[in-house]
Protein backbone atom coordinates (compact mmCIF):
# COMPACT_ATOMS: atom_id res chain seq x y z
CA MET A 1 40.91 78.67 11.67
CA LYS A 2 41.44 74.91 11.90
CA PHE A 3 42.55 73.36 15.20
CA VAL A 4 44.17 69.86 15.07
CA LEU A 5 44.70 67.89 18.20
CA ASP A 6 48.11 66.20 18.65
CA ALA A 7 48.33 62.45 19.00
CA GLY A 8 48.28 62.53 22.87
CA GLN A 9 45.16 64.75 22.87
CA ARG A 10 43.35 62.60 20.36
CA LEU A 11 44.17 59.45 22.36
CA PHE A 12 42.85 61.08 25.54
CA GLY A 13 39.58 61.94 23.77
CA GLU A 14 39.24 58.44 22.22
CA THR A 15 39.90 56.77 25.56
CA LEU A 16 37.15 58.80 27.24
CA HIS A 17 34.83 58.09 24.33
CA ARG A 18 35.36 54.33 24.70
CA LEU A 19 34.96 54.44 28.47
CA LEU A 20 31.70 56.48 28.22
CA ALA A 21 30.33 54.34 25.40
CA GLY A 22 30.71 51.30 27.55
CA ALA A 23 29.20 52.94 30.69
CA ASP A 24 25.62 53.07 29.40
CA THR A 25 25.14 56.75 30.31
CA PRO A 26 21.39 56.64 29.45
CA ALA A 27 20.88 54.16 32.25
CA VAL A 28 23.03 56.25 34.55
CA ILE A 29 20.98 59.34 33.73
CA ARG A 30 17.71 57.56 34.28
CA ALA A 31 18.83 56.17 37.59
CA ARG A 32 19.86 59.66 38.68
CA ALA A 33 16.47 61.04 37.59
CA TRP A 34 14.77 58.35 39.59
CA GLY A 35 16.74 59.16 42.76
CA ASP A 36 19.50 56.59 42.68
CA PRO A 37 22.90 58.35 42.82
CA GLU A 38 25.10 55.25 42.96
CA PRO A 39 25.49 54.63 39.18
CA CYS A 40 26.50 58.31 38.79
CA ARG A 41 29.08 57.94 41.59
CA ALA A 42 30.44 54.78 39.95
CA LEU A 43 30.78 56.70 36.64
CA TRP A 44 32.49 59.57 38.42
CA ARG A 45 35.09 57.09 39.81
CA SER A 46 35.70 55.64 36.35
CA LEU A 47 36.11 59.11 34.85
CA ALA A 48 38.51 60.07 37.66
CA GLY A 49 40.66 57.03 36.86
CA ALA A 50 40.84 58.30 33.25
CA GLY A 51 42.14 61.61 34.50
CA VAL A 52 39.23 63.79 33.41
CA LEU A 53 39.77 66.51 35.98
CA ALA A 54 43.59 66.37 36.16
CA PRO A 55 44.05 69.00 33.42
CA ALA A 56 42.14 71.49 35.61
CA VAL A 57 44.55 70.99 38.59
CA PRO A 58 48.15 72.37 38.65
CA GLU A 59 50.96 69.85 38.55
CA ALA A 60 52.25 71.17 41.87
CA ALA A 61 48.92 70.08 43.47
CA GLY A 62 49.00 66.61 42.00
CA GLY A 63 47.21 67.30 38.68
CA ALA A 64 48.47 67.59 35.11
CA GLY A 65 47.54 71.23 34.40
CA PRO A 66 46.65 73.72 33.66
CA LEU A 67 45.96 72.11 30.27
CA PRO A 68 42.93 73.90 28.88
CA VAL A 69 42.98 72.13 25.50
CA GLU A 70 42.96 68.72 27.17
CA LEU A 71 40.22 69.91 29.47
CA VAL A 72 38.12 70.96 26.46
CA THR A 73 38.75 67.61 24.81
CA ALA A 74 37.51 65.78 27.95
CA PHE A 75 34.44 67.94 28.30
CA HIS A 76 33.61 67.46 24.60
CA GLU A 77 33.28 63.74 25.27
CA LEU A 78 31.44 64.28 28.53
CA GLY A 79 28.87 66.30 26.62
CA ARG A 80 28.78 63.84 23.73
CA HIS A 81 27.75 61.10 26.17
CA ALA A 82 25.63 63.45 28.39
CA ALA A 83 27.49 62.37 31.48
CA PRO A 84 25.72 63.68 34.61
CA GLY A 85 27.19 65.28 37.78
CA PRO A 86 28.87 68.56 38.71
CA LEU A 87 31.78 68.10 36.35
CA ALA A 88 32.13 71.66 35.07
CA GLU A 89 31.50 72.95 38.62
CA THR A 90 34.33 70.85 40.03
CA ALA A 91 36.74 72.02 37.27
CA ALA A 92 35.73 75.61 38.09
CA ALA A 93 36.34 74.95 41.77
CA ALA A 94 39.86 73.67 40.92
CA GLU A 95 40.62 76.87 39.10
CA LEU A 96 39.30 78.97 42.05
CA LEU A 97 41.35 76.94 44.60
CA ALA A 98 44.49 77.13 42.42
CA ARG A 99 44.26 80.88 42.41
CA LEU A 100 43.46 81.20 46.09
CA GLY A 101 46.40 78.86 46.82
CA ARG A 102 48.71 81.64 45.71
CA SER A 103 47.71 83.55 48.82
CA PRO A 104 49.96 83.03 51.85
CA GLY A 105 48.52 80.77 54.50
CA ASP A 106 45.64 79.42 52.40
CA GLY A 107 45.00 75.80 53.20
CA LEU A 108 41.93 75.10 51.02
CA ALA A 109 44.00 74.40 47.93
CA ALA A 110 46.30 72.07 49.71
CA GLU A 111 43.39 70.12 51.12
CA TRP A 112 41.15 69.96 48.08
CA LEU A 113 43.16 70.15 44.90
CA PRO A 114 44.85 66.75 45.16
CA ARG A 115 41.52 65.12 45.90
CA ILE A 116 39.94 66.72 42.87
CA ALA A 117 42.84 65.66 40.65
CA GLU A 118 42.41 62.03 41.68
CA GLY A 119 38.66 62.10 41.53
CA ALA A 120 38.17 61.65 45.25
CA ALA A 121 36.11 64.84 45.54
CA ALA A 122 33.33 66.53 43.64
CA VAL A 123 32.51 70.17 44.32
CA SER A 124 29.20 71.96 43.53
CA LEU A 125 30.23 75.60 43.17
CA VAL A 126 27.69 78.46 43.07
CA LEU A 127 28.85 81.59 41.35
CA PRO A 128 25.99 84.12 41.06
CA PRO A 129 24.64 85.41 38.77
CA ALA A 130 26.08 82.97 36.13
CA VAL A 131 25.55 79.87 38.41
CA PRO A 132 22.74 80.65 40.80
CA TYR A 133 22.04 77.14 41.96
CA ALA A 134 24.03 74.25 43.38
CA LEU A 135 24.04 71.41 40.85
CA ASP A 136 23.74 67.93 42.33
CA ALA A 137 24.50 68.99 45.93
CA ASP A 138 23.63 65.52 47.14
CA LEU A 139 26.43 64.05 44.92
CA ALA A 140 29.05 66.59 45.93
CA ASP A 141 31.64 66.33 48.71
CA ALA A 142 31.46 70.08 49.15
CA VAL A 143 28.98 72.76 48.23
CA TRP A 144 30.49 76.25 48.08
CA LEU A 145 29.07 79.69 47.39
CA VAL A 146 30.96 82.77 46.32
CA ASP A 147 29.24 85.73 47.95
CA GLY A 148 31.05 88.89 46.76
CA ASP A 149 34.43 88.78 48.44
CA ARG A 150 33.67 85.66 50.49
CA LEU A 151 33.88 82.00 49.76
CA CYS A 152 31.42 80.20 51.97
CA GLU A 153 30.23 76.74 52.65
CA ALA A 154 26.79 76.64 51.22
CA VAL A 155 23.60 75.24 52.79
CA PRO A 156 21.44 73.72 50.07
CA GLY A 157 17.69 74.24 50.08
CA ALA A 158 14.94 72.08 48.56
CA VAL A 159 15.63 70.66 45.11
CA ARG A 160 13.95 72.49 42.27
CA SER A 161 12.79 70.78 39.09
CA SER A 162 14.80 71.09 35.94
CA LEU A 163 13.93 70.34 32.34
CA ASP A 164 16.76 67.84 32.46
CA PRO A 165 15.70 65.27 35.08
CA ALA A 166 19.35 64.33 35.82
CA ARG A 167 20.22 67.92 36.84
CA ARG A 168 19.14 68.50 40.43
CA LEU A 169 19.30 72.21 41.29
CA SER A 170 19.14 73.62 44.83
CA PRO A 171 19.12 77.19 46.01
CA VAL A 172 21.68 77.81 48.69
CA THR A 173 22.35 80.12 51.63
CA ALA A 174 25.78 81.14 52.91
CA GLY A 175 27.25 79.21 55.85
CA THR A 176 30.72 79.17 57.30
CA VAL A 177 33.20 81.52 55.60
CA LEU A 178 36.20 79.68 54.20
CA ALA A 179 38.13 82.59 52.71
CA SER A 180 37.49 86.29 52.27
CA GLY A 181 39.11 89.33 50.61
CA PRO A 182 39.66 90.73 47.07
CA ALA A 183 41.53 87.57 46.02
CA VAL A 184 38.29 85.56 46.34
CA ARG A 185 36.48 87.86 43.84
CA ALA A 186 39.31 87.64 41.38
CA ALA A 187 39.62 83.85 41.67
CA ALA A 188 35.89 83.48 41.33
CA GLU A 189 35.92 85.45 38.07
CA ALA A 190 38.64 83.19 36.63
CA ALA A 191 36.79 80.09 37.89
CA CYS A 192 33.54 81.25 36.14
CA ASP A 193 35.42 81.63 32.88
CA LEU A 194 36.86 78.11 33.08
CA GLY A 195 33.54 76.56 34.06
CA THR A 196 31.94 78.48 31.11
CA LEU A 197 34.58 77.03 28.78
CA ALA A 198 33.88 73.51 30.02
CA CYS A 199 30.20 74.01 29.52
CA ALA A 200 30.75 75.27 25.95
CA ALA A 201 32.85 72.18 25.25
CA GLN A 202 30.03 69.95 26.58
CA LEU A 203 27.58 71.72 24.35
CA VAL A 204 29.64 71.10 21.16
CA GLY A 205 29.97 67.46 22.10
CA LEU A 206 26.28 67.26 22.81
CA GLY A 207 25.37 68.90 19.49
CA ARG A 208 27.66 66.50 17.68
CA ARG A 209 25.87 63.49 19.20
CA LEU A 210 22.47 64.92 18.37
CA LEU A 211 23.51 65.47 14.73
CA GLU A 212 25.00 61.93 14.45
CA ALA A 213 21.88 60.38 15.76
CA THR A 214 19.68 62.51 13.46
CA VAL A 215 21.66 61.66 10.35
CA GLU A 216 21.45 57.95 11.20
CA TYR A 217 17.68 58.25 11.68
CA ALA A 218 17.19 60.19 8.52
CA GLY A 219 18.91 57.46 6.60
CA ALA A 220 16.88 54.66 8.12
CA ARG A 221 13.41 56.08 8.11
CA HIS A 222 11.52 55.83 4.77
CA GLN A 223 8.67 57.79 3.39
CA PHE A 224 7.30 57.66 -0.17
CA GLY A 225 9.73 54.95 -1.00
CA GLN A 226 12.93 56.68 0.02
CA PRO A 227 14.90 57.73 3.12
CA ILE A 228 13.67 60.98 4.56
CA GLY A 229 17.31 62.15 4.47
CA ALA A 230 16.93 62.38 0.71
CA PHE A 231 14.40 65.13 0.99
CA GLN A 232 15.84 68.58 0.24
CA ALA A 233 14.30 70.28 3.33
CA VAL A 234 15.84 67.60 5.65
CA LYS A 235 19.21 67.84 3.87
CA HIS A 236 19.30 71.69 4.34
CA ARG A 237 18.33 71.45 8.02
CA LEU A 238 21.07 68.83 8.70
CA ALA A 239 23.65 70.97 6.76
CA ASP A 240 22.73 74.11 8.73
CA THR A 241 23.14 72.22 11.98
CA LEU A 242 26.59 70.89 10.92
CA VAL A 243 27.72 74.43 9.97
CA GLY A 244 26.64 75.80 13.33
CA LEU A 245 28.61 73.16 15.17
CA GLU A 246 31.68 73.53 12.94
CA TYR A 247 31.73 77.30 13.58
CA ALA A 248 31.37 76.79 17.32
CA ARG A 249 34.12 74.14 17.71
CA PRO A 250 37.08 76.34 16.72
CA LEU A 251 35.79 79.08 18.97
CA VAL A 252 35.85 76.69 21.92
CA TYR A 253 39.37 75.54 21.14
CA GLY A 254 40.48 79.08 20.32
CA ALA A 255 39.28 80.14 23.84
CA ALA A 256 41.24 77.28 25.35
CA LEU A 257 44.37 78.49 23.67
CA ALA A 258 43.74 82.00 24.95
CA TYR A 259 43.80 80.75 28.55
CA GLY A 260 45.98 83.01 30.69
CA SER A 261 45.80 85.89 28.29
CA PRO A 262 43.74 89.12 28.62
CA ASP A 263 41.52 87.98 25.79
CA PHE A 264 40.43 84.74 27.60
CA PRO A 265 37.21 86.12 29.15
CA ARG A 266 36.11 87.60 25.82
CA ASP A 267 36.96 84.43 23.84
CA VAL A 268 35.17 82.23 26.39
CA SER A 269 31.99 84.23 26.01
CA ALA A 270 32.21 84.10 22.23
CA ALA A 271 32.63 80.34 22.47
CA LYS A 272 29.74 79.85 24.91
CA ALA A 273 27.31 81.92 22.86
CA ALA A 274 28.13 80.02 19.64
CA ALA A 275 28.13 76.60 21.38
CA SER A 276 24.75 77.21 23.13
CA GLU A 277 23.10 78.20 19.88
CA ALA A 278 24.65 75.44 17.86
CA ALA A 279 23.65 72.71 20.32
CA TYR A 280 20.17 74.05 20.74
CA ALA A 281 19.75 74.21 17.01
CA ALA A 282 20.94 70.58 16.87
CA ALA A 283 18.32 69.73 19.43
CA ARG A 284 15.53 71.41 17.48
CA THR A 285 16.66 69.65 14.27
CA ALA A 286 16.77 66.24 16.08
CA LEU A 287 13.24 66.77 17.43
CA GLN A 288 11.84 67.89 14.07
CA VAL A 289 13.39 64.99 12.07
CA HIS A 290 12.51 62.34 14.62
CA GLY A 291 9.07 63.70 15.43
CA ALA A 292 7.36 63.15 18.76
CA VAL A 293 9.38 59.96 19.45
CA GLY A 294 12.43 62.12 19.98
CA TYR A 295 10.96 63.51 23.23
CA THR A 296 9.67 60.35 24.83
CA ASP A 297 11.15 59.14 28.05
CA GLU A 298 11.92 55.72 26.51
CA TYR A 299 13.95 57.04 23.66
CA ASP A 300 17.54 57.87 24.58
CA LEU A 301 17.73 60.82 22.26
CA GLY A 302 15.27 62.69 24.49
CA LEU A 303 17.84 62.78 27.22
CA TRP A 304 20.29 64.60 25.00
CA ILE A 305 17.57 67.03 23.81
CA ARG A 306 16.73 68.00 27.35
CA ARG A 307 20.40 68.39 28.28
CA ALA A 308 20.88 70.69 25.39
CA ARG A 309 18.05 72.91 26.51
CA ALA A 310 19.32 72.93 30.13
CA LEU A 311 22.91 73.80 29.20
CA HIS A 312 21.76 76.47 26.68
CA THR A 313 21.50 78.99 29.54
CA ALA A 314 23.80 77.31 32.11
CA TRP A 315 26.85 79.37 32.97
CA GLY A 316 25.23 82.43 31.35
CA SER A 317 22.81 82.73 28.46
CA PRO A 318 23.90 83.44 24.87
CA ALA A 319 22.53 87.00 25.18
CA ASP A 320 24.67 87.58 28.37
CA HIS A 321 27.80 86.43 26.63
CA ARG A 322 27.18 88.23 23.44
CA ALA A 323 26.84 91.43 25.50
CA ARG A 324 30.10 90.65 27.24
CA VAL A 325 31.84 90.27 23.84
CA VAL A 326 30.44 93.55 22.64
CA THR A 327 31.66 95.27 25.77
CA ALA A 328 35.12 93.73 25.38
CA LEU A 329 35.37 94.80 21.77
CA THR A 330 33.98 98.34 22.07
CA GLY A 331 34.85 99.22 25.65
CA ALA A 332 31.22 100.35 26.15
């Protein structure tokens, strides 16, 4: 099935692409890896001004949503430029708050959703087992943990190393209880699905950027008097990478269109499994075509390769999501 964005959705994506292209995200990533969070915060403010998270927040709370297709379009560009920060986590937190806000007397949604919509707040949300660590707790305005039927403030522990140096992961322990009851568990499940969809969109955008860079390199580097892209083995590898991404992309948009339906969890898992494998294959192709230079710290492509490996299992591994699809289809 072919999904075609309308004019407004295309403009939204193009605007974000131009903003991120001019933001020098490799420099932002390196600054983050070296312990300087300020460039990341500045980028976050720019993205907020462009309305990146507004599609995740209901209109009644000051956002523009729920608009899952626009959210996927935004996260495709965020992945394409490897933008750092707890972006998917904040989108998931918006979904959780929106659903909790339907409960009488809940004040969390009223307090936080408008701030998320306008980009004044970033939330690092921990949703075990899919999201076991707090991402970038030091950048977030709030760190929350869903512990069964409880939503708690989370107390981050020591930062753990990550393959992607711009992803700072912290184990957490439960602190003050913010909300409790069966509604928390149901809202957390919905939030996890939306965060997974956002991650899948990032992966497709990331894979696209890796493929673009690899095609360009294959056309510029010469061996035996011709571009290496003219060699049959390289052509086949690039073609296989493109096919994987082209299969993953409609699954991601198809899942976005299924938002609110009983099939949404199943479709999200199908999209995440396909996007993880497609982006990881794009990273492997990029590394094989570029050679060792592709993994050096000085070469920007290495940042994308490391992000692809980190997001491959973020928000649930491909195996976890394939099992979920099988269960949904067979009832086993």
